[in-house]
C-alpha atoms as a PDB file:
ATOM      1  CA  UNK A   1       0.000   0.000   0.000  1.00  0.00           C
ATOM      2  CA  UNK A   2       1.046   3.593  -0.548  1.00  0.00           C
ATOM      3  CA  UNK A   3       2.766   4.946   2.590  1.00  0.00           C
ATOM      4  CA  UNK A   4       0.609   7.560   4.232  1.00  0.00           C
ATOM      5  CA  UNK A   5       0.749   9.822   7.210  1.00  0.00           C
ATOM      6  CA  UNK A   6      -1.987  11.574   9.044  1.00  0.00           C
ATOM      7  CA  UNK A   7      -2.743  15.008   7.661  1.00  0.00           C
ATOM      8  CA  UNK A   8      -4.001  16.208  11.025  1.00  0.00           C
ATOM      9  CA  UNK A   9      -2.259  18.913  12.986  1.00  0.00           C
ATOM     10  CA  UNK A  10      -1.663  19.632  16.628  1.00  0.00           C
ATOM     11  CA  UNK A  11      -4.674  21.475  18.049  1.00  0.00           C
ATOM     12  CA  UNK A  12      -3.794  24.929  19.410  1.00  0.00           C
ATOM     13  CA  UNK A  13      -6.607  26.470  21.424  1.00  0.00           C
ATOM     14  CA  UNK A  14      -5.403  29.982  22.299  1.00  0.00           C
ATOM     15  CA  UNK A  15      -2.569  32.493  22.045  1.00  0.00           C
ATOM     16  CA  UNK A  16      -0.747  31.090  25.069  1.00  0.00           C
ATOM     17  CA  UNK A  17      -0.784  27.582  23.610  1.00  0.00           C
ATOM     18  CA  UNK A  18       0.387  29.017  20.290  1.00  0.00           C
ATOM     19  CA  UNK A  19       3.327  30.796  21.934  1.00  0.00           C
ATOM     20  CA  UNK A  20       4.299  27.590  23.750  1.00  0.00           C
ATOM     21  CA  UNK A  21       4.048  25.611  20.513  1.00  0.00           C
ATOM     22  CA  UNK A  22       6.346  28.075  18.762  1.00  0.00           C
ATOM     23  CA  UNK A  23       8.861  27.836  21.590  1.00  0.00           C
ATOM     24  CA  UNK A  24       8.736  24.030  21.532  1.00  0.00           C
ATOM     25  CA  UNK A  25       9.128  23.829  17.758  1.00  0.00           C
ATOM     26  CA  UNK A  26      12.012  26.284  17.561  1.00  0.00           C
ATOM     27  CA  UNK A  27      13.791  24.534  20.439  1.00  0.00           C
ATOM     28  CA  UNK A  28      13.364  21.149  18.787  1.00  0.00           C
ATOM     29  CA  UNK A  29      14.660  22.460  15.446  1.00  0.00           C
ATOM     30  CA  UNK A  30      17.685  24.064  17.081  1.00  0.00           C
ATOM     31  CA  UNK A  31      18.579  20.825  18.875  1.00  0.00           C
ATOM     32  CA  UNK A  32      18.046  18.808  15.686  1.00  0.00           C
ATOM     33  CA  UNK A  33      20.255  20.947  13.479  1.00  0.00           C
ATOM     34  CA  UNK A  34      22.936  21.412  16.130  1.00  0.00           C
ATOM     35  CA  UNK A  35      23.372  17.670  16.476  1.00  0.00           C
ATOM     36  CA  UNK A  36      21.761  17.379  19.877  1.00  0.00           C
ATOM     37  CA  UNK A  37      18.896  15.127  20.894  1.00  0.00           C
ATOM     38  CA  UNK A  38      15.634  16.688  19.783  1.00  0.00           C
ATOM     39  CA  UNK A  39      12.712  16.312  22.216  1.00  0.00           C
ATOM     40  CA  UNK A  40      10.385  15.694  19.259  1.00  0.00           C
ATOM     41  CA  UNK A  41      10.615  13.018  16.578  1.00  0.00           C
ATOM     42  CA  UNK A  42       9.895  13.984  12.963  1.00  0.00           C
ATOM     43  CA  UNK A  43       6.215  13.055  13.084  1.00  0.00           C
ATOM     44  CA  UNK A  44       5.575  15.038  16.280  1.00  0.00           C
ATOM     45  CA  UNK A  45       7.512  18.030  14.934  1.00  0.00           C
ATOM     46  CA  UNK A  46       5.591  18.033  11.654  1.00  0.00           C
ATOM     47  CA  UNK A  47       2.250  17.845  13.471  1.00  0.00           C
ATOM     48  CA  UNK A  48       3.262  20.715  15.749  1.00  0.00           C
ATOM     49  CA  UNK A  49       4.363  22.966  12.884  1.00  0.00           C
ATOM     50  CA  UNK A  50       1.187  22.195  10.944  1.00  0.00           C
ATOM     51  CA  UNK A  51      -0.811  23.162  14.016  1.00  0.00           C
ATOM     52  CA  UNK A  52       1.144  26.413  14.288  1.00  0.00           C
ATOM     53  CA  UNK A  53       0.495  27.157  10.608  1.00  0.00           C
ATOM     54  CA  UNK A  54      -3.227  26.467  11.018  1.00  0.00           C
ATOM     55  CA  UNK A  55      -3.476  28.786  14.013  1.00  0.00           C
ATOM     56  CA  UNK A  56      -1.529  31.520  12.197  1.00  0.00           C
ATOM     57  CA  UNK A  57      -3.816  31.287   9.170  1.00  0.00           C
ATOM     58  CA  UNK A  58      -6.767  31.950  11.471  1.00  0.00           C
ATOM     59  CA  UNK A  59      -4.971  34.692  13.463  1.00  0.00           C
ATOM     60  CA  UNK A  60      -2.676  36.475  10.975  1.00  0.00           C
ATOM     61  CA  UNK A  61      -2.391  39.544  13.188  1.00  0.00           C
ATOM     62  CA  UNK A  62      -0.914  37.502  16.062  1.00  0.00           C
ATOM     63  CA  UNK A  63       1.912  35.681  14.278  1.00  0.00           C
ATOM     64  CA  UNK A  64       5.073  35.705  16.391  1.00  0.00           C
ATOM     65  CA  UNK A  65       8.316  36.794  14.698  1.00  0.00           C
ATOM     66  CA  UNK A  66      10.049  33.658  15.958  1.00  0.00           C
ATOM     67  CA  UNK A  67       7.567  31.274  14.329  1.00  0.00           C
ATOM     68  CA  UNK A  68       9.193  28.330  12.503  1.00  0.00           C
ATOM     69  CA  UNK A  69       6.675  28.528   9.642  1.00  0.00           C
ATOM     70  CA  UNK A  70       8.484  31.365   7.903  1.00  0.00           C
ATOM     71  CA  UNK A  71      12.025  30.192   8.498  1.00  0.00           C
ATOM     72  CA  UNK A  72      14.361  27.912   6.629  1.00  0.00           C
ATOM     73  CA  UNK A  73      15.021  24.755   8.676  1.00  0.00           C
ATOM     74  CA  UNK A  74      12.441  25.855  11.237  1.00  0.00           C
ATOM     75  CA  UNK A  75      14.782  28.248  13.004  1.00  0.00           C
ATOM     76  CA  UNK A  76      18.049  26.350  12.870  1.00  0.00           C
ATOM     77  CA  UNK A  77      21.285  27.727  14.213  1.00  0.00           C
ATOM     78  CA  UNK A  78      22.725  30.598  12.185  1.00  0.00           C
ATOM     79  CA  UNK A  79      26.152  31.044  10.669  1.00  0.00           C
ATOM     80  CA  UNK A  80      28.348  33.843   9.381  1.00  0.00           C
ATOM     81  CA  UNK A  81      29.282  32.609   5.861  1.00  0.00           C
ATOM     82  CA  UNK A  82      26.853  34.046   3.271  1.00  0.00           C
ATOM     83  CA  UNK A  83      25.384  31.557   0.829  1.00  0.00           C
ATOM     84  CA  UNK A  84      25.797  31.964  -2.923  1.00  0.00           C
ATOM     85  CA  UNK A  85      22.014  31.716  -3.194  1.00  0.00           C
ATOM     86  CA  UNK A  86      19.730  30.871  -0.263  1.00  0.00           C
ATOM     87  CA  UNK A  87      19.729  27.250   0.906  1.00  0.00           C
ATOM     88  CA  UNK A  88      16.013  26.730   1.327  1.00  0.00           C
ATOM     89  CA  UNK A  89      14.002  24.055   3.094  1.00  0.00           C
ATOM     90  CA  UNK A  90      11.267  21.982   1.454  1.00  0.00           C
ATOM     91  CA  UNK A  91       7.564  22.076   2.121  1.00  0.00           C
ATOM     92  CA  UNK A  92       5.987  18.707   2.932  1.00  0.00           C
ATOM     93  CA  UNK A  93       3.119  16.529   1.784  1.00  0.00           C
ATOM     94  CA  UNK A  94       1.998  13.409   3.630  1.00  0.00           C
ATOM     95  CA  UNK A  95      -0.387  11.579   1.301  1.00  0.00           C
ATOM     96  CA  UNK A  96      -1.124  10.924  -2.381  1.00  0.00           C
ATOM     97  CA  UNK A  97      -3.997  13.384  -2.176  1.00  0.00           C
ATOM     98  CA  UNK A  98      -1.799  16.180  -0.845  1.00  0.00           C
ATOM     99  CA  UNK A  99       0.822  15.440  -3.488  1.00  0.00           C
ATOM    100  CA  UNK A 100      -1.747  15.536  -6.284  1.00  0.00           C
ATOM    101  CA  UNK A 101      -3.047  18.849  -4.953  1.00  0.00           C
ATOM    102  CA  UNK A 102       0.511  20.198  -5.001  1.00  0.00           C
ATOM    103  CA  UNK A 103       1.028  19.182  -8.631  1.00  0.00           C
ATOM    104  CA  UNK A 104      -2.219  20.921  -9.576  1.00  0.00           C
ATOM    105  CA  UNK A 105      -1.117  24.064  -7.742  1.00  0.00           C
ATOM    106  CA  UNK A 106       2.263  23.937  -9.484  1.00  0.00           C
ATOM    107  CA  UNK A 107       0.580  23.638 -12.890  1.00  0.00           C
ATOM    108  CA  UNK A 108      -1.616  26.645 -12.141  1.00  0.00           C
ATOM    109  CA  UNK A 109       1.378  28.657 -11.026  1.00  0.00           C
ATOM    110  CA  UNK A 110       3.477  28.052 -14.150  1.00  0.00           C
ATOM    111  CA  UNK A 111       0.583  27.891 -16.611  1.00  0.00           C
ATOM    112  CA  UNK A 112       1.217  24.342 -17.832  1.00  0.00           C
ATOM    113  CA  UNK A 113       1.315  20.756 -16.671  1.00  0.00           C
ATOM    114  CA  UNK A 114       4.701  19.534 -15.490  1.00  0.00           C
ATOM    115  CA  UNK A 115       5.687  16.547 -17.631  1.00  0.00           C
ATOM    116  CA  UNK A 116       9.068  15.779 -16.112  1.00  0.00           C
ATOM    117  CA  UNK A 117       9.672  15.196 -12.406  1.00  0.00           C
ATOM    118  CA  UNK A 118      12.844  14.084 -10.644  1.00  0.00           C
ATOM    119  CA  UNK A 119      12.061  11.626  -7.834  1.00  0.00           C
ATOM    120  CA  UNK A 120      14.607  10.451  -5.292  1.00  0.00           C
ATOM    121  CA  UNK A 121      15.258   9.689  -1.623  1.00  0.00           C
ATOM    122  CA  UNK A 122      15.185  12.432   1.006  1.00  0.00           C
ATOM    123  CA  UNK A 123      18.371  11.766   2.931  1.00  0.00           C
ATOM    124  CA  UNK A 124      18.227  12.091   6.716  1.00  0.00           C
ATOM    125  CA  UNK A 125      21.379  14.134   7.182  1.00  0.00           C
ATOM    126  CA  UNK A 126      22.769  17.653   7.293  1.00  0.00           C
ATOM    127  CA  UNK A 127      22.703  19.925   4.232  1.00  0.00           C
ATOM    128  CA  UNK A 128      25.987  21.555   3.207  1.00  0.00           C
ATOM    129  CA  UNK A 129      27.414  23.615   0.357  1.00  0.00           C
ATOM    130  CA  UNK A 130      30.807  22.499  -0.955  1.00  0.00           C
ATOM    131  CA  UNK A 131      32.694  25.178  -2.895  1.00  0.00           C
ATOM    132  CA  UNK A 132      35.281  24.186  -5.490  1.00  0.00           C
ATOM    133  CA  UNK A 133      37.806  26.525  -7.107  1.00  0.00           C
ATOM    134  CA  UNK A 134      39.604  25.161 -10.150  1.00  0.00           C
ATOM    135  CA  UNK A 135      38.416  21.695  -9.207  1.00  0.00           C
ATOM    136  CA  UNK A 136      39.778  21.817  -5.635  1.00  0.00           C
ATOM    137  CA  UNK A 137      37.500  21.738  -2.593  1.00  0.00           C
ATOM    138  CA  UNK A 138      38.120  24.975  -0.702  1.00  0.00           C
ATOM    139  CA  UNK A 139      35.187  25.482   1.666  1.00  0.00           C
ATOM    140  CA  UNK A 140      32.300  23.647   3.337  1.00  0.00           C
ATOM    141  CA  UNK A 141      29.335  25.602   4.718  1.00  0.00           C
ATOM    142  CA  UNK A 142      26.277  24.307   6.593  1.00  0.00           C
ATOM    143  CA  UNK A 143      22.741  25.404   5.719  1.00  0.00           C
ATOM    144  CA  UNK A 144      22.451  27.555   8.852  1.00  0.00           C
ATOM    145  CA  UNK A 145      19.444  29.851   8.592  1.00  0.00           C
ATOM    146  CA  UNK A 146      19.368  29.519   4.804  1.00  0.00           C
ATOM    147  CA  UNK A 147      21.000  32.901   4.217  1.00  0.00           C
ATOM    148  CA  UNK A 148      24.315  32.169   5.909  1.00  0.00           C
ATOM    149  CA  UNK A 149      25.847  29.067   7.408  1.00  0.00           C
ATOM    150  CA  UNK A 150      28.696  27.820   9.554  1.00  0.00           C
ATOM    151  CA  UNK A 151      32.127  27.171   8.051  1.00  0.00           C
ATOM    152  CA  UNK A 152      33.015  23.510   8.602  1.00  0.00           C
ATOM    153  CA  UNK A 153      35.937  23.350   6.191  1.00  0.00           C
ATOM    154  CA  UNK A 154      37.952  21.518   8.853  1.00  0.00           C
ATOM    155  CA  UNK A 155      35.946  18.431   7.776  1.00  0.00           C
ATOM    156  CA  UNK A 156      37.424  18.437   4.250  1.00  0.00           C
ATOM    157  CA  UNK A 157      38.995  15.061   3.597  1.00  0.00           C
ATOM    158  CA  UNK A 158      36.809  13.177   6.089  1.00  0.00           C
ATOM    159  CA  UNK A 159      33.645  12.848   3.995  1.00  0.00           C
ATOM    160  CA  UNK A 160      33.335   9.938   1.592  1.00  0.00           C
ATOM    161  CA  UNK A 161      31.815  10.833  -1.764  1.00  0.00           C
ATOM    162  CA  UNK A 162      32.951  14.456  -1.578  1.00  0.00           C
ATOM    163  CA  UNK A 163      36.292  14.478  -3.412  1.00  0.00           C
ATOM    164  CA  UNK A 164      38.994  16.963  -2.537  1.00  0.00           C
ATOM    165  CA  UNK A 165      39.657  17.295  -6.275  1.00  0.00           C
ATOM    166  CA  UNK A 166      37.030  17.018  -9.023  1.00  0.00           C
ATOM    167  CA  UNK A 167      37.591  15.087 -12.238  1.00  0.00           C
ATOM    168  CA  UNK A 168      37.656  18.439 -14.069  1.00  0.00           C
ATOM    169  CA  UNK A 169      39.077  21.811 -12.892  1.00  0.00           C
ATOM    170  CA  UNK A 170      35.610  23.308 -12.471  1.00  0.00           C
ATOM    171  CA  UNK A 171      34.739  26.261 -10.255  1.00  0.00           C
ATOM    172  CA  UNK A 172      31.358  25.288  -8.909  1.00  0.00           C
ATOM    173  CA  UNK A 173      29.275  24.817  -5.773  1.00  0.00           C
ATOM    174  CA  UNK A 174      28.023  21.339  -4.977  1.00  0.00           C
ATOM    175  CA  UNK A 175      25.105  21.065  -2.584  1.00  0.00           C
ATOM    176  CA  UNK A 176      24.133  17.899  -0.827  1.00  0.00           C
ATOM    177  CA  UNK A 177      23.568  15.986   2.363  1.00  0.00           C
ATOM    178  CA  UNK A 178      26.151  14.657   4.812  1.00  0.00           C
ATOM    179  CA  UNK A 179      25.104  11.604   6.781  1.00  0.00           C
ATOM    180  CA  UNK A 180      26.391   8.463   8.415  1.00  0.00           C
ATOM    181  CA  UNK A 181      25.512   5.096   6.974  1.00  0.00           C
ATOM    182  CA  UNK A 182      24.458   2.403   9.398  1.00  0.00           C
ATOM    183  CA  UNK A 183      27.963   0.919   9.330  1.00  0.00           C
ATOM    184  CA  UNK A 184      29.598   4.324   9.807  1.00  0.00           C
ATOM    185  CA  UNK A 185      27.278   5.070  12.726  1.00  0.00           C
ATOM    186  CA  UNK A 186      28.160   1.807  14.462  1.00  0.00           C
ATOM    187  CA  UNK A 187      31.865   2.490  13.899  1.00  0.00           C
ATOM    188  CA  UNK A 188      31.511   6.065  15.189  1.00  0.00           C
ATOM    189  CA  UNK A 189      29.953   4.883  18.433  1.00  0.00           C
ATOM    190  CA  UNK A 190      32.672   2.266  18.907  1.00  0.00           C
ATOM    191  CA  UNK A 191      35.365   4.919  18.462  1.00  0.00           C
ATOM    192  CA  UNK A 192      33.525   7.491  20.567  1.00  0.00           C
ATOM    193  CA  UNK A 193      32.982   5.165  23.520  1.00  0.00           C
ATOM    194  CA  UNK A 194      36.589   3.936  23.261  1.00  0.00           C
ATOM    195  CA  UNK A 195      37.632   7.549  23.827  1.00  0.00           C
ATOM    196  CA  UNK A 196      35.392   7.892  26.886  1.00  0.00           C
ATOM    197  CA  UNK A 197      32.406   9.574  25.242  1.00  0.00           C
ATOM    198  CA  UNK A 198      28.780   8.550  25.315  1.00  0.00           C
ATOM    199  CA  UNK A 199      27.244   6.962  22.229  1.00  0.00           C
ATOM    200  CA  UNK A 200      25.433   9.135  19.704  1.00  0.00           C
ATOM    201  CA  UNK A 201      21.636   8.879  19.826  1.00  0.00           C
ATOM    202  CA  UNK A 202      21.181   8.262  16.100  1.00  0.00           C
ATOM    203  CA  UNK A 203      23.055   8.597  12.780  1.00  0.00           C
ATOM    204  CA  UNK A 204      21.788  12.091  12.062  1.00  0.00           C
ATOM    205  CA  UNK A 205      22.922  13.492  15.385  1.00  0.00           C
ATOM    206  CA  UNK A 206      26.227  11.673  14.931  1.00  0.00           C
ATOM    207  CA  UNK A 207      26.803  13.293  11.532  1.00  0.00           C
ATOM    208  CA  UNK A 208      25.832  16.759  12.738  1.00  0.00           C
ATOM    209  CA  UNK A 209      28.046  16.541  15.812  1.00  0.00           C
ATOM    210  CA  UNK A 210      30.978  15.056  13.909  1.00  0.00           C
ATOM    211  CA  UNK A 211      30.782  17.626  11.126  1.00  0.00           C
ATOM    212  CA  UNK A 212      31.107  20.464  13.656  1.00  0.00           C
ATOM    213  CA  UNK A 213      33.770  18.879  15.851  1.00  0.00           C
ATOM    214  CA  UNK A 214      37.064  20.726  15.369  1.00  0.00           C
ATOM    215  CA  UNK A 215      39.403  19.331  18.011  1.00  0.00           C
ATOM    216  CA  UNK A 216      38.678  15.677  18.575  1.00  0.00           C
ATOM    217  CA  UNK A 217      41.382  13.116  19.200  1.00  0.00           C
ATOM    218  CA  UNK A 218      39.811  10.930  16.521  1.00  0.00           C
ATOM    219  CA  UNK A 219      37.959  11.164  13.217  1.00  0.00           C
ATOM    220  CA  UNK A 220      35.150   8.999  11.907  1.00  0.00           C
ATOM    221  CA  UNK A 221      33.931   8.812   8.309  1.00  0.00           C
ATOM    222  CA  UNK A 222      30.725  10.283   6.922  1.00  0.00           C
ATOM    223  CA  UNK A 223      29.136  10.074   3.476  1.00  0.00           C
ATOM    224  CA  UNK A 224      28.037  12.810   1.083  1.00  0.00           C
ATOM    225  CA  UNK A 225      25.114  12.654  -1.350  1.00  0.00           C
ATOM    226  CA  UNK A 226      25.062  15.459  -3.903  1.00  0.00           C
ATOM    227  CA  UNK A 227      21.691  16.924  -4.902  1.00  0.00           C
ATOM    228  CA  UNK A 228      22.572  20.217  -6.599  1.00  0.00           C
ATOM    229  CA  UNK A 229      25.134  22.065  -8.705  1.00  0.00           C
ATOM    230  CA  UNK A 230      25.228  25.824  -9.139  1.00  0.00           C
ATOM    231  CA  UNK A 231      27.628  28.442 -10.412  1.00  0.00           C
ATOM    232  CA  UNK A 232      29.563  30.847  -8.213  1.00  0.00           C
ATOM    233  CA  UNK A 233      30.810  34.332  -9.065  1.00  0.00           C
ATOM    234  CA  UNK A 234      33.863  33.190 -11.022  1.00  0.00           C
ATOM    235  CA  UNK A 235      32.455  30.077 -12.707  1.00  0.00           C
ATOM    236  CA  UNK A 236      33.452  29.905 -16.379  1.00  0.00           C
ATOM    237  CA  UNK A 237      30.567  31.435 -18.430  1.00  0.00           C
ATOM    238  CA  UNK A 238      29.814  28.351 -20.547  1.00  0.00           C
ATOM    239  CA  UNK A 239      29.646  26.146 -17.445  1.00  0.00           C
ATOM    240  CA  UNK A 240      27.546  28.732 -15.610  1.00  0.00           C
ATOM    241  CA  UNK A 241      25.019  28.708 -18.464  1.00  0.00           C
ATOM    242  CA  UNK A 242      24.943  24.921 -18.447  1.00  0.00           C
ATOM    243  CA  UNK A 243      24.323  24.858 -14.702  1.00  0.00           C
ATOM    244  CA  UNK A 244      21.416  27.306 -14.927  1.00  0.00           C
ATOM    245  CA  UNK A 245      19.664  25.837 -17.989  1.00  0.00           C
ATOM    246  CA  UNK A 246      20.108  22.068 -17.607  1.00  0.00           C
ATOM    247  CA  UNK A 247      17.493  19.729 -16.190  1.00  0.00           C
ATOM    248  CA  UNK A 248      18.119  18.573 -12.643  1.00  0.00           C
ATOM    249  CA  UNK A 249      18.598  15.003 -13.850  1.00  0.00           C
ATOM    250  CA  UNK A 250      21.320  16.159 -16.259  1.00  0.00           C
ATOM    251  CA  UNK A 251      23.053  18.069 -13.471  1.00  0.00           C
ATOM    252  CA  UNK A 252      23.137  14.907 -11.367  1.00  0.00           C
ATOM    253  CA  UNK A 253      24.782  13.054 -14.257  1.00  0.00           C
ATOM    254  CA  UNK A 254      27.357  15.851 -14.421  1.00  0.00           C
ATOM    255  CA  UNK A 255      27.960  15.614 -10.676  1.00  0.00           C
ATOM    256  CA  UNK A 256      28.685  11.901 -11.066  1.00  0.00           C
ATOM    257  CA  UNK A 257      31.086  12.613 -13.935  1.00  0.00           C
ATOM    258  CA  UNK A 258      32.909  15.101 -11.691  1.00  0.00           C
ATOM    259  CA  UNK A 259      33.372  12.381  -9.066  1.00  0.00           C
ATOM    260  CA  UNK A 260      30.683  13.444  -6.597  1.00  0.00           C
ATOM    261  CA  UNK A 261      28.605  10.723  -4.945  1.00  0.00           C
ATOM    262  CA  UNK A 262      24.854  10.871  -5.620  1.00  0.00           C
ATOM    263  CA  UNK A 263      21.830   8.639  -5.115  1.00  0.00           C
ATOM    264  CA  UNK A 264      22.535   7.273  -8.599  1.00  0.00           C
ATOM    265  CA  UNK A 265      25.035   4.865  -7.052  1.00  0.00           C
ATOM    266  CA  UNK A 266      22.537   3.446  -4.547  1.00  0.00           C
ATOM    267  CA  UNK A 267      19.594   1.047  -4.580  1.00  0.00           C
ATOM    268  CA  UNK A 268      17.213   4.034  -4.758  1.00  0.00           C
ATOM    269  CA  UNK A 269      18.571   6.280  -7.527  1.00  0.00           C
ATOM    270  CA  UNK A 270      16.773   9.436  -8.583  1.00  0.00           C
ATOM    271  CA  UNK A 271      14.565   8.718 -11.588  1.00  0.00           C
ATOM    272  CA  UNK A 272      12.597  10.883 -14.015  1.00  0.00           C
ATOM    273  CA  UNK A 273       8.811  10.424 -13.960  1.00  0.00           C
ATOM    274  CA  UNK A 274       6.484  11.993 -16.507  1.00  0.00           C
ATOM    275  CA  UNK A 275       3.200  12.280 -14.603  1.00  0.00           C
ATOM    276  CA  UNK A 276       1.944  12.287 -10.993  1.00  0.00           C
ATOM    277  CA  UNK A 277       0.925   8.624 -11.167  1.00  0.00           C
ATOM    278  CA  UNK A 278       4.462   7.597 -12.087  1.00  0.00           C
ATOM    279  CA  UNK A 279       5.808   9.758  -9.266  1.00  0.00           C
ATOM    280  CA  UNK A 280       3.560   8.028  -6.731  1.00  0.00           C
ATOM    281  CA  UNK A 281       4.605   4.631  -8.070  1.00  0.00           C
ATOM    282  CA  UNK A 282       8.239   5.596  -7.449  1.00  0.00           C
ATOM    283  CA  UNK A 283       7.361   6.841  -3.960  1.00  0.00           C
ATOM    284  CA  UNK A 284       5.915   3.413  -3.242  1.00  0.00           C
ATOM    285  CA  UNK A 285       9.038   1.670  -4.568  1.00  0.00           C
ATOM    286  CA  UNK A 286      11.429   3.758  -2.481  1.00  0.00           C
ATOM    287  CA  UNK A 287       9.302   3.385   0.655  1.00  0.00           C
ATOM    288  CA  UNK A 288       9.244  -0.405   0.215  1.00  0.00           C
ATOM    289  CA  UNK A 289      13.054  -0.601   0.271  1.00  0.00           C
ATOM    290  CA  UNK A 290      13.557   1.920   3.047  1.00  0.00           C
ATOM    291  CA  UNK A 291      14.087  -0.442   5.962  1.00  0.00           C
ATOM    292  CA  UNK A 292      16.816  -2.332   4.077  1.00  0.00           C
ATOM    293  CA  UNK A 293      18.804   0.698   2.956  1.00  0.00           C
ATOM    294  CA  UNK A 294      22.278   1.141   4.488  1.00  0.00           C
ATOM    295  CA  UNK A 295      21.482   4.807   5.230  1.00  0.00           C
ATOM    296  CA  UNK A 296      18.531   6.710   6.627  1.00  0.00           C
ATOM    297  CA  UNK A 297      15.833   8.444   4.597  1.00  0.00           C
ATOM    298  CA  UNK A 298      12.768  10.225   5.933  1.00  0.00           C
ATOM    299  CA  UNK A 299      10.880  10.755   2.706  1.00  0.00           C
ATOM    300  CA  UNK A 300      11.070  11.251  -1.028  1.00  0.00           C
ATOM    301  CA  UNK A 301      12.056  14.503  -2.764  1.00  0.00           C
ATOM    302  CA  UNK A 302      10.043  15.385  -5.867  1.00  0.00           C
ATOM    303  CA  UNK A 303      11.248  18.197  -8.114  1.00  0.00           C
ATOM    304  CA  UNK A 304      10.159  19.731 -11.378  1.00  0.00           C
ATOM    305  CA  UNK A 305      13.083  18.440 -13.422  1.00  0.00           C
ATOM    306  CA  UNK A 306      13.278  21.065 -16.157  1.00  0.00           C
ATOM    307  CA  UNK A 307      15.042  24.352 -15.455  1.00  0.00           C
ATOM    308  CA  UNK A 308      12.317  26.301 -17.282  1.00  0.00           C
ATOM    309  CA  UNK A 309       9.643  24.881 -14.970  1.00  0.00           C
ATOM    310  CA  UNK A 310      11.719  25.673 -11.898  1.00  0.00           C
ATOM    311  CA  UNK A 311      12.301  29.249 -13.025  1.00  0.00           C
ATOM    312  CA  UNK A 312       8.628  29.749 -13.836  1.00  0.00           C
ATOM    313  CA  UNK A 313       7.556  28.430 -10.425  1.00  0.00           C
ATOM    314  CA  UNK A 314      10.103  30.438  -8.443  1.00  0.00           C
ATOM    315  CA  UNK A 315      10.714  30.233  -4.710  1.00  0.00           C
ATOM    316  CA  UNK A 316       9.237  31.645  -1.537  1.00  0.00           C
ATOM    317  CA  UNK A 317      11.253  32.945   1.393  1.00  0.00           C
ATOM    318  CA  UNK A 318      11.450  29.500   2.986  1.00  0.00           C
ATOM    319  CA  UNK A 319      11.065  26.900   0.227  1.00  0.00           C
ATOM    320  CA  UNK A 320      11.123  26.509  -3.554  1.00  0.00           C
ATOM    321  CA  UNK A 321       7.696  26.214  -5.157  1.00  0.00           C
ATOM    322  CA  UNK A 322       8.928  23.630  -7.681  1.00  0.00           C
ATOM    323  CA  UNK A 323       9.919  20.940  -5.175  1.00  0.00           C
ATOM    324  CA  UNK A 324       8.220  19.079  -2.341  1.00  0.00           C
ATOM    325  CA  UNK A 325       9.119  16.444   0.237  1.00  0.00           C
ATOM    326  CA  UNK A 326       6.772  13.465   0.503  1.00  0.00           C
ATOM    327  CA  UNK A 327       7.357  12.581   4.147  1.00  0.00           C
ATOM    328  CA  UNK A 328       7.294   9.014   5.426  1.00  0.00           C
ATOM    329  CA  UNK A 329       6.451   7.902   8.970  1.00  0.00           C
ATOM    330  CA  UNK A 330       9.371   7.645  11.357  1.00  0.00           C
ATOM    331  CA  UNK A 331      10.786   4.129  11.557  1.00  0.00           C
ATOM    332  CA  UNK A 332      10.935   2.867  15.170  1.00  0.00           C
ATOM    333  CA  UNK A 333      14.713   2.373  14.974  1.00  0.00           C
ATOM    334  CA  UNK A 334      15.284   5.795  13.359  1.00  0.00           C
ATOM    335  CA  UNK A 335      13.582   8.094  15.798  1.00  0.00           C
ATOM    336  CA  UNK A 336      15.357  11.249  16.927  1.00  0.00           C
END
């Protein structure tokens, strides 16, 4: 059966409950993105934020400035390295009906039906931007608040799938997700406890904490999955044009050619689907293999594949309008 999640939201009865919900959600997001143990699992967090959004829609004059609904990553920790372009979050859908409604909204927005979607796993890790100059990896930056992130360049050389030198001397920014596979997570906890530390709660917290750690007596491996390529200020003009006009699926082929690891080398590669029914069939396929994957996913990312469709749809302050995350229920062994 198609994986489904409840579309209900947390019930917020008054302004005091709303303020508490905002505080709880922002605190949970901050802990999640800082690598700590979040007091809410993904399902509970999503329900809470949906409840906040519902209350705000009914009381637009009482929206708190700290609300997670208008922020990238729900109010994650900030950084001081400006992003080339904002690193946005994704809006969510939880059922086939919500996904179909999103595709209809997207078609209305751009004035045509989308006939090419990219469909792939939503990795349960930490988003980063990797900046290459002349093919050499020079800087790593976390998502942060979407506008600026934290410099974690000290982690260069410790992340599998993110080469220190590309196959071509390109000046480009690679965006993707850093995570720990199941095997890497088990190894990390063995090393951590051997050095007197407590075990990490889950692979995502382990990756977030490891990525930020600057002065540990040990290193443990992580894995990178690329999901985007974009030009920077001094990218060669022909490459810059290619990066801004190519379909997402073509960009992922280019990333692989450059030596960057993507989902294409896994059991759940990104595929191109040509209608909503084919997208939902792929969602079902990925969800069916989820428990056996050697890394964590918490949903499926669906994007308008063609650059022209993405440009026509545009982006809001928090999320692109041409992409959505189809969230899956939290697996018992993958709660955070």
